Amino acid sequence: MDYMNFAGFYDSLTENVEYQKRAERLNFLIKKYIQTDTDGTLLTDLACGTGSLCEALARLGYDVIGVDNSPAMLSVAMEKKMKSNLPIQYLCQDMRELDMFGTIDVTTCILDSLNHLPSLDDIQTVFNKVSLFAQPKGLFIFDMNTLYKHQEILKDKIFLYDLENVFCAWENRLLSDNATVEMQLTFFERDGENYFRSDEFITEKAYPIKEIETALQKSGLDLLAVFDADKNLDEPENLSPVTDTTERMLFVARKPE
């Protein structure tokens, strides 16, 4: 999926994501589990989108490679890079077909990007690729939507966003498996007195923690911890456990020596 229609509006619709705070939390976890100086650490961000997290991580001293399969998203990311002049490299790849130049110290995949994959087999493929290119003791930090979020928060709901230059209607439908949500995003872009419509269709599937842990084990990665991804972002070190009402889980895994 190339998110051609979504790319131009993505940053406006994700202004509340707090990328810098998420980067600071990732930085805390990386330092906690690598237990060494992380300056110059090579970090790959999968499904990097328009590069907002890559920029935040690069400002913290990481050598960042952003990977995304959407040329439209990467075009926006490159525009940001030209303005910031940060040392970020972008690759247009499907993360299921990840092909790096060498081994990686840390891999991240944030904002439920893995939920966009159609099946657990696809997630397993990504985990296998991450493990293949991970350094011994290399980290893989990623988040995923919970079943609770799909069943209770997104289920058959409609969300409306009226932004400066675009109006967005986001309609969700929970499928019969009680795990998959089909989303239709309809954009009305303002151009003077006229509006131009475009649509984007997205599907996300959620999984129990145990299935994700098993997939990590099959790929040769050890699950170290799982946290609530969204709580206490103002305090990067204040990590909360997953509860029955957690909407997004943050996983920390490591490749053994």
C-alpha atoms as a PDB file:
ATOM      1  CA  MET A   1       0.000   0.000   0.000  1.00  0.00           C
ATOM      2  CA  ASP A   2       1.554   3.318  -1.064  1.00  0.00           C
ATOM      3  CA  TYR A   3      -0.697   5.744   0.882  1.00  0.00           C
ATOM      4  CA  MET A   4      -0.551   8.132  -2.068  1.00  0.00           C
ATOM      5  CA  ASN A   5      -3.618  10.097  -0.966  1.00  0.00           C
ATOM      6  CA  PHE A   6      -2.683   9.968   2.719  1.00  0.00           C
ATOM      7  CA  ALA A   7       0.881  11.294   2.452  1.00  0.00           C
ATOM      8  CA  GLY A   8      -0.014  14.940   1.916  1.00  0.00           C
ATOM      9  CA  PHE A   9      -2.252  15.037   4.997  1.00  0.00           C
ATOM     10  CA  TYR A  10      -0.404  12.616   7.261  1.00  0.00           C
ATOM     11  CA  ASP A  11       1.523  15.166   9.312  1.00  0.00           C
ATOM     12  CA  SER A  12      -1.565  17.313   9.884  1.00  0.00           C
ATOM     13  CA  LEU A  13      -3.515  14.289  11.105  1.00  0.00           C
ATOM     14  CA  THR A  14      -0.740  13.108  13.436  1.00  0.00           C
ATOM     15  CA  GLU A  15       0.156  16.404  15.123  1.00  0.00           C
ATOM     16  CA  ASN A  16      -0.817  14.899  18.498  1.00  0.00           C
ATOM     17  CA  VAL A  17       1.523  11.902  18.198  1.00  0.00           C
ATOM     18  CA  GLU A  18       4.347  13.631  20.120  1.00  0.00           C
ATOM     19  CA  TYR A  19       7.237  12.188  18.139  1.00  0.00           C
ATOM     20  CA  GLN A  20       9.923  13.846  20.239  1.00  0.00           C
ATOM     21  CA  LYS A  21       8.571  12.303  23.435  1.00  0.00           C
ATOM     22  CA  ARG A  22       8.322   8.888  21.774  1.00  0.00           C
ATOM     23  CA  ALA A  23      11.906   9.263  20.557  1.00  0.00           C
ATOM     24  CA  GLU A  24      13.022  10.114  24.086  1.00  0.00           C
ATOM     25  CA  ARG A  25      11.275   6.996  25.397  1.00  0.00           C
ATOM     26  CA  LEU A  26      12.965   4.871  22.746  1.00  0.00           C
ATOM     27  CA  ASN A  27      16.270   6.486  23.675  1.00  0.00           C
ATOM     28  CA  PHE A  28      15.730   5.566  27.331  1.00  0.00           C
ATOM     29  CA  LEU A  29      14.916   1.946  26.457  1.00  0.00           C
ATOM     30  CA  ILE A  30      17.870   1.623  24.107  1.00  0.00           C
ATOM     31  CA  LYS A  31      20.273   2.894  26.755  1.00  0.00           C
ATOM     32  CA  LYS A  32      18.646   0.674  29.381  1.00  0.00           C
ATOM     33  CA  TYR A  33      18.969  -2.538  27.392  1.00  0.00           C
ATOM     34  CA  ILE A  34      22.139  -1.929  25.373  1.00  0.00           C
ATOM     35  CA  GLN A  35      23.923  -0.572  28.454  1.00  0.00           C
ATOM     36  CA  THR A  36      26.586   1.303  26.516  1.00  0.00           C
ATOM     37  CA  ASP A  37      27.112   4.698  24.902  1.00  0.00           C
ATOM     38  CA  THR A  38      24.479   4.983  22.170  1.00  0.00           C
ATOM     39  CA  ASP A  39      25.944   7.993  20.347  1.00  0.00           C
ATOM     40  CA  GLY A  40      26.397   6.952  16.720  1.00  0.00           C
ATOM     41  CA  THR A  41      24.276   3.825  17.166  1.00  0.00           C
ATOM     42  CA  LEU A  42      22.924   2.631  13.812  1.00  0.00           C
ATOM     43  CA  LEU A  43      19.128   2.579  13.981  1.00  0.00           C
ATOM     44  CA  THR A  44      16.653   1.495  11.319  1.00  0.00           C
ATOM     45  CA  ASP A  45      13.076   2.760  11.572  1.00  0.00           C
ATOM     46  CA  LEU A  46      10.673   0.510   9.655  1.00  0.00           C
ATOM     47  CA  ALA A  47       7.528   2.025   8.125  1.00  0.00           C
ATOM     48  CA  CYS A  48       9.035   5.440   8.804  1.00  0.00           C
ATOM     49  CA  GLY A  49       6.332   7.325   6.897  1.00  0.00           C
ATOM     50  CA  THR A  50       7.125  11.022   6.530  1.00  0.00           C
ATOM     51  CA  GLY A  51      10.224  10.725   8.703  1.00  0.00           C
ATOM     52  CA  SER A  52       9.082  12.600  11.811  1.00  0.00           C
ATOM     53  CA  LEU A  53      10.403   9.944  14.206  1.00  0.00           C
ATOM     54  CA  CYS A  54      13.609   9.577  12.171  1.00  0.00           C
ATOM     55  CA  GLU A  55      14.252  13.299  12.563  1.00  0.00           C
ATOM     56  CA  ALA A  56      13.646  13.169  16.318  1.00  0.00           C
ATOM     57  CA  LEU A  57      15.968  10.165  16.736  1.00  0.00           C
ATOM     58  CA  ALA A  58      18.681  11.739  14.578  1.00  0.00           C
ATOM     59  CA  ARG A  59      18.610  14.807  16.833  1.00  0.00           C
ATOM     60  CA  LEU A  60      19.337  12.469  19.752  1.00  0.00           C
ATOM     61  CA  GLY A  61      22.552  11.296  18.096  1.00  0.00           C
ATOM     62  CA  TYR A  62      21.485   8.140  16.245  1.00  0.00           C
ATOM     63  CA  ASP A  63      22.606   7.288  12.722  1.00  0.00           C
ATOM     64  CA  VAL A  64      19.179   6.692  11.224  1.00  0.00           C
ATOM     65  CA  ILE A  65      17.988   4.718   8.216  1.00  0.00           C
ATOM     66  CA  GLY A  66      14.288   5.162   7.471  1.00  0.00           C
ATOM     67  CA  VAL A  67      12.533   2.402   5.528  1.00  0.00           C
ATOM     68  CA  ASP A  68       9.091   2.725   3.947  1.00  0.00           C
ATOM     69  CA  ASN A  69       7.365   1.243   0.910  1.00  0.00           C
ATOM     70  CA  SER A  70       5.499   4.451   0.016  1.00  0.00           C
ATOM     71  CA  PRO A  71       7.314   6.775  -2.411  1.00  0.00           C
ATOM     72  CA  ALA A  72       4.776   9.482  -1.551  1.00  0.00           C
ATOM     73  CA  MET A  73       5.556   9.279   2.171  1.00  0.00           C
ATOM     74  CA  LEU A  74       9.306   9.206   1.526  1.00  0.00           C
ATOM     75  CA  SER A  75       9.017  12.253  -0.721  1.00  0.00           C
ATOM     76  CA  VAL A  76       7.688  14.225   2.254  1.00  0.00           C
ATOM     77  CA  ALA A  77      10.438  12.754   4.460  1.00  0.00           C
ATOM     78  CA  MET A  78      13.109  13.865   1.991  1.00  0.00           C
ATOM     79  CA  GLU A  79      11.718  17.402   1.954  1.00  0.00           C
ATOM     80  CA  LYS A  80      12.079  17.503   5.741  1.00  0.00           C
ATOM     81  CA  LYS A  81      15.619  16.148   5.533  1.00  0.00           C
ATOM     82  CA  MET A  82      16.612  18.861   3.060  1.00  0.00           C
ATOM     83  CA  LYS A  83      15.397  21.503   5.518  1.00  0.00           C
ATOM     84  CA  SER A  84      16.880  19.949   8.664  1.00  0.00           C
ATOM     85  CA  ASN A  85      20.101  18.692   7.054  1.00  0.00           C
ATOM     86  CA  LEU A  86      20.093  15.744   9.449  1.00  0.00           C
ATOM     87  CA  PRO A  87      22.157  12.626   8.530  1.00  0.00           C
ATOM     88  CA  ILE A  88      19.246  10.330   7.670  1.00  0.00           C
ATOM     89  CA  GLN A  89      19.193   7.817   4.835  1.00  0.00           C
ATOM     90  CA  TYR A  90      15.868   6.728   3.348  1.00  0.00           C
ATOM     91  CA  LEU A  91      15.171   3.443   1.563  1.00  0.00           C
ATOM     92  CA  CYS A  92      12.021   2.567  -0.360  1.00  0.00           C
ATOM     93  CA  GLN A  93      11.416  -1.046   0.669  1.00  0.00           C
ATOM     94  CA  ASP A  94       8.601  -3.240   1.877  1.00  0.00           C
ATOM     95  CA  MET A  95       9.691  -4.247   5.382  1.00  0.00           C
ATOM     96  CA  ARG A  96       8.825  -7.861   4.522  1.00  0.00           C
ATOM     97  CA  GLU A  97      11.601  -7.647   1.918  1.00  0.00           C
ATOM     98  CA  LEU A  98      14.085  -5.753   4.077  1.00  0.00           C
ATOM     99  CA  ASP A  99      17.565  -5.779   2.567  1.00  0.00           C
ATOM    100  CA  MET A 100      20.219  -3.829   4.480  1.00  0.00           C
ATOM    101  CA  PHE A 101      23.876  -3.166   3.676  1.00  0.00           C
ATOM    102  CA  GLY A 102      25.056  -4.731   6.927  1.00  0.00           C
ATOM    103  CA  THR A 103      23.994  -5.377  10.496  1.00  0.00           C
ATOM    104  CA  ILE A 104      21.917  -2.960  12.590  1.00  0.00           C
ATOM    105  CA  ASP A 105      22.209  -2.039  16.270  1.00  0.00           C
ATOM    106  CA  VAL A 106      18.555  -1.102  16.800  1.00  0.00           C
ATOM    107  CA  THR A 107      15.407  -1.543  14.726  1.00  0.00           C
ATOM    108  CA  THR A 108      12.179   0.301  15.509  1.00  0.00           C
ATOM    109  CA  CYS A 109       8.667   0.078  14.087  1.00  0.00           C
ATOM    110  CA  ILE A 110       6.270   2.525  15.715  1.00  0.00           C
ATOM    111  CA  LEU A 111       2.627   3.691  15.517  1.00  0.00           C
ATOM    112  CA  ASP A 112       1.056   0.252  14.948  1.00  0.00           C
ATOM    113  CA  SER A 113       2.662  -0.156  11.524  1.00  0.00           C
ATOM    114  CA  LEU A 114       2.911  -3.926  11.994  1.00  0.00           C
ATOM    115  CA  ASN A 115      -0.864  -4.081  12.449  1.00  0.00           C
ATOM    116  CA  HIS A 116      -1.170  -2.967   8.819  1.00  0.00           C
ATOM    117  CA  LEU A 117       0.276  -6.264   7.606  1.00  0.00           C
ATOM    118  CA  PRO A 118      -2.407  -8.712   6.438  1.00  0.00           C
ATOM    119  CA  SER A 119      -1.445 -11.776   8.476  1.00  0.00           C
ATOM    120  CA  LEU A 120       0.691 -13.201  11.255  1.00  0.00           C
ATOM    121  CA  ASP A 121       2.777 -14.890   8.557  1.00  0.00           C
ATOM    122  CA  ASP A 122       3.691 -11.446   7.217  1.00  0.00           C
ATOM    123  CA  ILE A 123       4.637 -10.300  10.713  1.00  0.00           C
ATOM    124  CA  GLN A 124       6.762 -13.439  11.077  1.00  0.00           C
ATOM    125  CA  THR A 125       8.513 -12.545   7.820  1.00  0.00           C
ATOM    126  CA  VAL A 126       9.346  -9.082   9.168  1.00  0.00           C
ATOM    127  CA  PHE A 127      10.634 -10.527  12.446  1.00  0.00           C
ATOM    128  CA  ASN A 128      12.834 -12.940  10.502  1.00  0.00           C
ATOM    129  CA  LYS A 129      14.283 -10.062   8.479  1.00  0.00           C
ATOM    130  CA  VAL A 130      14.914  -7.957  11.576  1.00  0.00           C
ATOM    131  CA  SER A 131      16.672 -10.891  13.241  1.00  0.00           C
ATOM    132  CA  LEU A 132      18.758 -11.535  10.125  1.00  0.00           C
ATOM    133  CA  PHE A 133      20.155  -8.004  10.059  1.00  0.00           C
ATOM    134  CA  ALA A 134      20.394  -7.447  13.824  1.00  0.00           C
ATOM    135  CA  GLN A 135      23.753  -7.310  15.541  1.00  0.00           C
ATOM    136  CA  PRO A 136      24.238  -9.809  18.376  1.00  0.00           C
ATOM    137  CA  LYS A 137      22.534  -8.118  21.346  1.00  0.00           C
ATOM    138  CA  GLY A 138      20.790  -5.823  18.865  1.00  0.00           C
ATOM    139  CA  LEU A 139      17.384  -4.475  19.891  1.00  0.00           C
ATOM    140  CA  PHE A 140      14.017  -4.530  18.163  1.00  0.00           C
ATOM    141  CA  ILE A 141      11.498  -2.092  19.662  1.00  0.00           C
ATOM    142  CA  PHE A 142       8.029  -1.906  18.150  1.00  0.00           C
ATOM    143  CA  ASP A 143       4.452  -1.198  19.095  1.00  0.00           C
ATOM    144  CA  MET A 144       1.135  -2.756  18.104  1.00  0.00           C
ATOM    145  CA  ASN A 145      -2.533  -2.006  18.634  1.00  0.00           C
ATOM    146  CA  THR A 146      -4.306  -4.244  21.130  1.00  0.00           C
ATOM    147  CA  LEU A 147      -7.431  -6.307  20.615  1.00  0.00           C
ATOM    148  CA  TYR A 148      -9.092  -3.999  23.148  1.00  0.00           C
ATOM    149  CA  LYS A 149      -8.453  -0.967  20.944  1.00  0.00           C
ATOM    150  CA  HIS A 150      -9.921  -2.657  17.888  1.00  0.00           C
ATOM    151  CA  GLN A 151     -12.914  -4.111  19.728  1.00  0.00           C
ATOM    152  CA  GLU A 152     -13.777  -1.144  21.963  1.00  0.00           C
ATOM    153  CA  ILE A 153     -12.177   2.060  20.679  1.00  0.00           C
ATOM    154  CA  LEU A 154     -12.209   1.718  16.895  1.00  0.00           C
ATOM    155  CA  LYS A 155     -15.102  -0.716  16.427  1.00  0.00           C
ATOM    156  CA  ASP A 156     -17.669   0.712  13.976  1.00  0.00           C
ATOM    157  CA  LYS A 157     -16.772   4.275  15.006  1.00  0.00           C
ATOM    158  CA  ILE A 158     -16.532   7.396  12.864  1.00  0.00           C
ATOM    159  CA  PHE A 159     -14.012  10.149  13.642  1.00  0.00           C
ATOM    160  CA  LEU A 160     -14.070  13.599  12.039  1.00  0.00           C
ATOM    161  CA  TYR A 161     -11.096  15.956  11.679  1.00  0.00           C
ATOM    162  CA  ASP A 162     -11.567  19.537  10.498  1.00  0.00           C
ATOM    163  CA  LEU A 163      -8.076  20.902   9.873  1.00  0.00           C
ATOM    164  CA  GLU A 164      -6.851  24.078   8.214  1.00  0.00           C
ATOM    165  CA  ASN A 165      -6.781  22.830   4.637  1.00  0.00           C
ATOM    166  CA  VAL A 166      -8.471  19.443   4.816  1.00  0.00           C
ATOM    167  CA  PHE A 167     -11.540  17.774   6.285  1.00  0.00           C
ATOM    168  CA  CYS A 168     -11.193  14.059   7.043  1.00  0.00           C
ATOM    169  CA  ALA A 169     -13.903  11.506   7.801  1.00  0.00           C
ATOM    170  CA  TRP A 170     -12.448   8.283   9.238  1.00  0.00           C
ATOM    171  CA  GLU A 171     -14.882   5.362   9.305  1.00  0.00           C
ATOM    172  CA  ASN A 172     -14.076   2.008  10.948  1.00  0.00           C
ATOM    173  CA  ARG A 173     -15.650  -1.422  10.612  1.00  0.00           C
ATOM    174  CA  LEU A 174     -14.749  -4.359  12.873  1.00  0.00           C
ATOM    175  CA  LEU A 175     -14.790  -7.636  10.953  1.00  0.00           C
ATOM    176  CA  SER A 176     -16.239 -10.926  12.156  1.00  0.00           C
ATOM    177  CA  ASP A 177     -12.873 -12.214  13.437  1.00  0.00           C
ATOM    178  CA  ASN A 178     -13.171  -9.556  16.172  1.00  0.00           C
ATOM    179  CA  ALA A 179      -9.558  -8.533  15.509  1.00  0.00           C
ATOM    180  CA  THR A 180      -9.461  -6.837  12.100  1.00  0.00           C
ATOM    181  CA  VAL A 181     -10.617  -3.283  11.465  1.00  0.00           C
ATOM    182  CA  GLU A 182     -11.256  -1.936   7.982  1.00  0.00           C
ATOM    183  CA  MET A 183     -10.798   1.825   7.776  1.00  0.00           C
ATOM    184  CA  GLN A 184     -11.959   4.231   5.111  1.00  0.00           C
ATOM    185  CA  LEU A 185     -10.450   7.701   5.256  1.00  0.00           C
ATOM    186  CA  THR A 186     -12.169  10.267   3.053  1.00  0.00           C
ATOM    187  CA  PHE A 187     -10.338  13.555   2.538  1.00  0.00           C
ATOM    188  CA  PHE A 188     -11.825  16.813   1.314  1.00  0.00           C
ATOM    189  CA  GLU A 189      -8.971  19.163   0.471  1.00  0.00           C
ATOM    190  CA  ARG A 190      -9.765  22.868   0.363  1.00  0.00           C
ATOM    191  CA  ASP A 191      -8.665  24.883  -2.656  1.00  0.00           C
ATOM    192  CA  GLY A 192     -10.242  28.304  -2.428  1.00  0.00           C
ATOM    193  CA  GLU A 193     -13.977  27.755  -2.522  1.00  0.00           C
ATOM    194  CA  ASN A 194     -13.646  24.241  -3.922  1.00  0.00           C
ATOM    195  CA  TYR A 195     -13.072  20.862  -2.274  1.00  0.00           C
ATOM    196  CA  PHE A 196     -11.299  17.904  -3.859  1.00  0.00           C
ATOM    197  CA  ARG A 197     -12.127  14.428  -2.577  1.00  0.00           C
ATOM    198  CA  SER A 198      -9.747  11.495  -2.214  1.00  0.00           C
ATOM    199  CA  ASP A 199     -10.055   8.184  -0.349  1.00  0.00           C
ATOM    200  CA  GLU A 200      -7.653   5.848   1.413  1.00  0.00           C
ATOM    201  CA  PHE A 201      -8.505   2.313   2.560  1.00  0.00           C
ATOM    202  CA  ILE A 202      -6.505   0.739   5.388  1.00  0.00           C
ATOM    203  CA  THR A 203      -6.837  -2.603   7.190  1.00  0.00           C
ATOM    204  CA  GLU A 204      -5.291  -3.340  10.585  1.00  0.00           C
ATOM    205  CA  LYS A 205      -5.298  -6.610  12.529  1.00  0.00           C
ATOM    206  CA  ALA A 206      -4.533  -7.042  16.246  1.00  0.00           C
ATOM    207  CA  TYR A 207      -3.083 -10.090  18.019  1.00  0.00           C
ATOM    208  CA  PRO A 208      -2.691 -11.412  21.572  1.00  0.00           C
ATOM    209  CA  ILE A 209       0.702 -10.824  23.192  1.00  0.00           C
ATOM    210  CA  LYS A 210       1.418 -14.568  23.254  1.00  0.00           C
ATOM    211  CA  GLU A 211       1.187 -14.872  19.467  1.00  0.00           C
ATOM    212  CA  ILE A 212       3.644 -12.016  19.019  1.00  0.00           C
ATOM    213  CA  GLU A 213       6.023 -13.519  21.579  1.00  0.00           C
ATOM    214  CA  THR A 214       5.903 -16.879  19.777  1.00  0.00           C
ATOM    215  CA  ALA A 215       6.666 -15.194  16.451  1.00  0.00           C
ATOM    216  CA  LEU A 216       9.655 -13.428  18.009  1.00  0.00           C
ATOM    217  CA  GLN A 217      10.954 -16.709  19.419  1.00  0.00           C
ATOM    218  CA  LYS A 218      10.639 -18.384  16.013  1.00  0.00           C
ATOM    219  CA  SER A 219      12.787 -15.629  14.514  1.00  0.00           C
ATOM    220  CA  GLY A 220      15.475 -16.023  17.171  1.00  0.00           C
ATOM    221  CA  LEU A 221      14.604 -12.898  19.169  1.00  0.00           C
ATOM    222  CA  ASP A 222      14.037 -12.821  22.926  1.00  0.00           C
ATOM    223  CA  LEU A 223      11.152 -10.768  24.284  1.00  0.00           C
ATOM    224  CA  LEU A 224      12.529  -8.654  27.136  1.00  0.00           C
ATOM    225  CA  ALA A 225       9.533  -6.538  28.128  1.00  0.00           C
ATOM    226  CA  VAL A 226       6.117  -5.222  27.093  1.00  0.00           C
ATOM    227  CA  PHE A 227       4.796  -1.821  28.172  1.00  0.00           C
ATOM    228  CA  ASP A 228       1.874   0.487  27.517  1.00  0.00           C
ATOM    229  CA  ALA A 229       3.109   2.516  24.546  1.00  0.00           C
ATOM    230  CA  ASP A 230       1.113   5.682  25.153  1.00  0.00           C
ATOM    231  CA  LYS A 231       0.997   6.308  28.898  1.00  0.00           C
ATOM    232  CA  ASN A 232       3.231   8.851  30.660  1.00  0.00           C
ATOM    233  CA  LEU A 233       4.943  10.107  27.510  1.00  0.00           C
ATOM    234  CA  ASP A 234       5.908  13.244  29.426  1.00  0.00           C
ATOM    235  CA  GLU A 235       8.095  10.975  31.568  1.00  0.00           C
ATOM    236  CA  PRO A 236      10.092   8.680  29.243  1.00  0.00           C
ATOM    237  CA  GLU A 237      11.392   6.585  32.141  1.00  0.00           C
ATOM    238  CA  ASN A 238       7.949   6.085  33.698  1.00  0.00           C
ATOM    239  CA  LEU A 239       6.860   2.947  31.866  1.00  0.00           C
ATOM    240  CA  SER A 240       3.469   1.434  32.643  1.00  0.00           C
ATOM    241  CA  PRO A 241       2.556  -2.255  32.385  1.00  0.00           C
ATOM    242  CA  VAL A 242       0.003  -3.487  29.885  1.00  0.00           C
ATOM    243  CA  THR A 243      -3.542  -3.630  31.286  1.00  0.00           C
ATOM    244  CA  ASP A 244      -6.932  -4.740  29.979  1.00  0.00           C
ATOM    245  CA  THR A 245      -7.515  -1.204  28.658  1.00  0.00           C
ATOM    246  CA  THR A 246      -4.124  -0.643  27.030  1.00  0.00           C
ATOM    247  CA  GLU A 247      -4.652   0.537  23.453  1.00  0.00           C
ATOM    248  CA  ARG A 248      -1.117   0.128  22.125  1.00  0.00           C
ATOM    249  CA  MET A 249       1.636  -2.196  23.389  1.00  0.00           C
ATOM    250  CA  LEU A 250       5.355  -1.426  23.209  1.00  0.00           C
ATOM    251  CA  PHE A 251       7.560  -4.518  22.797  1.00  0.00           C
ATOM    252  CA  VAL A 252      11.292  -4.696  23.507  1.00  0.00           C
ATOM    253  CA  ALA A 253      13.113  -7.689  22.003  1.00  0.00           C
ATOM    254  CA  ARG A 254      16.779  -8.572  21.611  1.00  0.00           C
ATOM    255  CA  LYS A 255      18.889 -10.875  19.500  1.00  0.00           C
ATOM    256  CA  PRO A 256      21.048 -13.127  21.706  1.00  0.00           C
ATOM    257  CA  GLU A 257      24.838 -13.032  21.497  1.00  0.00           C
END
